[in-house]
């Protein structure tokens, strides 16, 4: 095989993996879109409990952002709404990661692999909200304190 050329069997495998990953991402996004950020946490119920709403694992609890924002200019409303939905999606993804990693890793797994990266994502999203508002009105300050999340036990 020449250098820099991949075998013909390798390319279809990558294509199948890419399509599968994209499909899983779309399916997850479809399940999480539209969930309002009321308490900033998502509870996962035990599928064996007959539909009871009892939580089976810890969940992420994040401060709400929407109620802490100043008046949003009409020109920024769509971007702010998208970013608020993204914050909801980030919480749902973190909760799903908690469910998927139960019993794995050491004592700092949740902080290092879930809460830390979640805070980084929330800082970026909250900054996008502040920037969107700041294009037409006074940029809100101090919103970054809403980025850290905790774990409900």
Protein backbone atom coordinates (compact mmCIF):
# COMPACT_ATOMS: atom_id res chain seq x y z
CA UNK A 1 0.00 0.00 0.00
CA UNK A 2 1.35 3.44 -0.88
CA UNK A 3 2.04 5.98 1.82
CA UNK A 4 -0.87 8.37 2.39
CA UNK A 5 -3.48 6.06 0.82
CA UNK A 6 -5.97 4.15 2.87
CA UNK A 7 -7.33 0.78 1.94
CA UNK A 8 -10.72 0.73 0.25
CA UNK A 9 -12.24 -1.19 3.16
CA UNK A 10 -11.26 1.54 5.63
CA UNK A 11 -13.33 4.34 4.04
CA UNK A 12 -16.75 2.58 4.26
CA UNK A 13 -16.08 1.71 7.89
CA UNK A 14 -15.44 5.38 8.70
CA UNK A 15 -18.58 6.35 6.77
CA UNK A 16 -20.75 3.92 8.73
CA UNK A 17 -19.29 5.12 12.04
CA UNK A 18 -19.86 8.78 11.12
CA UNK A 19 -23.46 8.18 10.06
CA UNK A 20 -24.15 6.16 13.21
CA UNK A 21 -22.70 8.84 15.48
CA UNK A 22 -24.66 11.57 13.69
CA UNK A 23 -27.86 9.57 14.01
CA UNK A 24 -27.33 9.03 17.73
CA UNK A 25 -26.65 12.73 18.22
CA UNK A 26 -29.80 13.71 16.34
CA UNK A 27 -31.88 11.22 18.31
CA UNK A 28 -30.53 12.55 21.62
CA UNK A 29 -31.08 16.16 20.55
CA UNK A 30 -34.66 15.34 19.57
CA UNK A 31 -35.30 13.88 23.01
CA UNK A 32 -33.86 16.86 24.88
CA UNK A 33 -35.12 19.85 22.86
CA UNK A 34 -37.90 21.83 24.44
CA UNK A 35 -37.34 20.78 28.04
CA UNK A 36 -37.78 23.97 30.07
CA UNK A 37 -35.14 24.95 32.59
CA UNK A 38 -37.28 25.13 35.70
CA UNK A 39 -35.02 23.81 38.43
CA UNK A 40 -31.90 23.32 36.37
CA UNK A 41 -31.85 19.57 36.93
CA UNK A 42 -33.21 16.49 35.21
CA UNK A 43 -34.37 13.42 37.11
CA UNK A 44 -33.97 9.99 35.53
CA UNK A 45 -36.47 7.38 36.64
CA UNK A 46 -35.86 3.69 37.08
CA UNK A 47 -37.34 1.83 34.10
CA UNK A 48 -38.08 -1.13 36.39
CA UNK A 49 -40.13 0.90 38.84
CA UNK A 50 -43.31 0.69 36.80
CA UNK A 51 -43.18 4.35 35.78
CA UNK A 52 -42.55 5.80 39.21
CA UNK A 53 -40.58 9.03 39.19
CA UNK A 54 -37.98 7.92 41.72
CA UNK A 55 -34.46 9.01 40.83
CA UNK A 56 -31.94 6.23 40.40
CA UNK A 57 -28.77 8.31 40.44
CA UNK A 58 -27.49 11.73 41.35
CA UNK A 59 -28.39 14.61 39.06
CA UNK A 60 -26.80 17.88 38.09
CA UNK A 61 -28.26 21.04 39.58
CA UNK A 62 -27.39 24.31 37.89
CA UNK A 63 -28.53 27.85 38.65
CA UNK A 64 -31.22 29.10 36.31
CA UNK A 65 -30.13 31.81 33.91
CA UNK A 66 -33.29 33.07 32.20
CA UNK A 67 -34.72 34.67 35.34
CA UNK A 68 -31.43 36.47 36.05
CA UNK A 69 -31.22 38.25 32.70
CA UNK A 70 -32.08 41.92 32.19
CA UNK A 71 -34.62 42.96 29.56
CA UNK A 72 -33.63 41.30 26.30
CA UNK A 73 -33.67 43.49 23.19
CA UNK A 74 -35.88 42.13 20.40
CA UNK A 75 -32.85 41.87 18.10
CA UNK A 76 -31.15 39.49 20.56
CA UNK A 77 -34.19 37.43 21.60
CA UNK A 78 -33.73 34.57 19.11
CA UNK A 79 -30.04 34.11 19.94
CA UNK A 80 -30.71 34.27 23.69
CA UNK A 81 -33.51 31.71 23.36
CA UNK A 82 -31.20 29.35 21.42
CA UNK A 83 -28.51 29.73 24.07
CA UNK A 84 -30.97 29.07 26.90
CA UNK A 85 -32.09 25.88 25.14
CA UNK A 86 -28.43 24.93 24.77
CA UNK A 87 -27.97 25.31 28.55
CA UNK A 88 -30.87 22.87 29.04
CA UNK A 89 -29.29 20.44 26.59
CA UNK A 90 -25.93 20.68 28.38
CA UNK A 91 -27.59 19.76 31.68
CA UNK A 92 -29.41 16.81 30.09
CA UNK A 93 -26.16 15.58 28.51
CA UNK A 94 -24.34 15.83 31.85
CA UNK A 95 -27.09 13.89 33.57
CA UNK A 96 -26.92 11.22 30.89
CA UNK A 97 -23.16 10.96 31.38
CA UNK A 98 -23.74 10.47 35.12
CA UNK A 99 -26.17 7.64 34.37
CA UNK A 100 -23.73 6.08 31.89
CA UNK A 101 -20.76 6.22 34.31
CA UNK A 102 -22.37 4.84 37.47
CA UNK A 103 -19.84 2.57 39.15
CA UNK A 104 -16.94 3.72 36.98
CA UNK A 105 -13.87 5.79 37.77
CA UNK A 106 -12.59 7.15 41.03
CA UNK A 107 -13.96 9.63 43.54
CA UNK A 108 -13.25 12.65 41.33
CA UNK A 109 -14.79 11.26 38.13
CA UNK A 110 -17.97 13.34 38.29
CA UNK A 111 -16.09 16.57 39.06
CA UNK A 112 -13.31 16.06 36.51
CA UNK A 113 -15.22 14.43 33.67
CA UNK A 114 -18.71 15.90 34.01
CA UNK A 115 -19.08 18.98 36.23
CA UNK A 116 -15.81 20.67 35.20
CA UNK A 117 -16.45 20.42 31.45
CA UNK A 118 -20.10 21.38 32.00
CA UNK A 119 -19.01 24.56 33.75
CA UNK A 120 -16.70 25.41 30.84
CA UNK A 121 -19.54 24.92 28.35
CA UNK A 122 -21.92 26.99 30.47
CA UNK A 123 -19.39 29.84 30.76
CA UNK A 124 -19.11 29.96 26.95
CA UNK A 125 -22.89 29.82 26.45
CA UNK A 126 -23.58 32.45 29.11
CA UNK A 127 -20.95 34.69 27.52
CA UNK A 128 -22.74 34.30 24.17
CA UNK A 129 -25.97 35.40 25.86
CA UNK A 130 -24.26 38.46 27.37
CA UNK A 131 -22.66 39.31 24.02
CA UNK A 132 -25.99 39.02 22.19
CA UNK A 133 -27.64 41.37 24.67
CA UNK A 134 -24.61 43.68 24.64
CA UNK A 135 -24.92 44.29 20.90
CA UNK A 136 -28.13 46.30 21.44
CA UNK A 137 -28.12 47.20 25.14
CA UNK A 138 -25.82 47.31 28.13
CA UNK A 139 -23.94 44.03 28.40
CA UNK A 140 -24.96 42.23 31.59
CA UNK A 141 -22.08 41.62 33.98
CA UNK A 142 -21.59 38.96 36.59
CA UNK A 143 -23.54 36.22 34.81
CA UNK A 144 -20.53 33.89 34.91
CA UNK A 145 -21.34 33.11 38.56
CA UNK A 146 -24.29 31.09 37.16
CA UNK A 147 -21.97 28.65 35.35
CA UNK A 148 -20.92 26.24 38.16
CA UNK A 149 -23.22 23.34 38.84
CA UNK A 150 -23.46 20.96 41.77
CA UNK A 151 -24.55 17.38 42.21
CA UNK A 152 -27.85 16.45 43.85
CA UNK A 153 -27.42 13.31 45.90
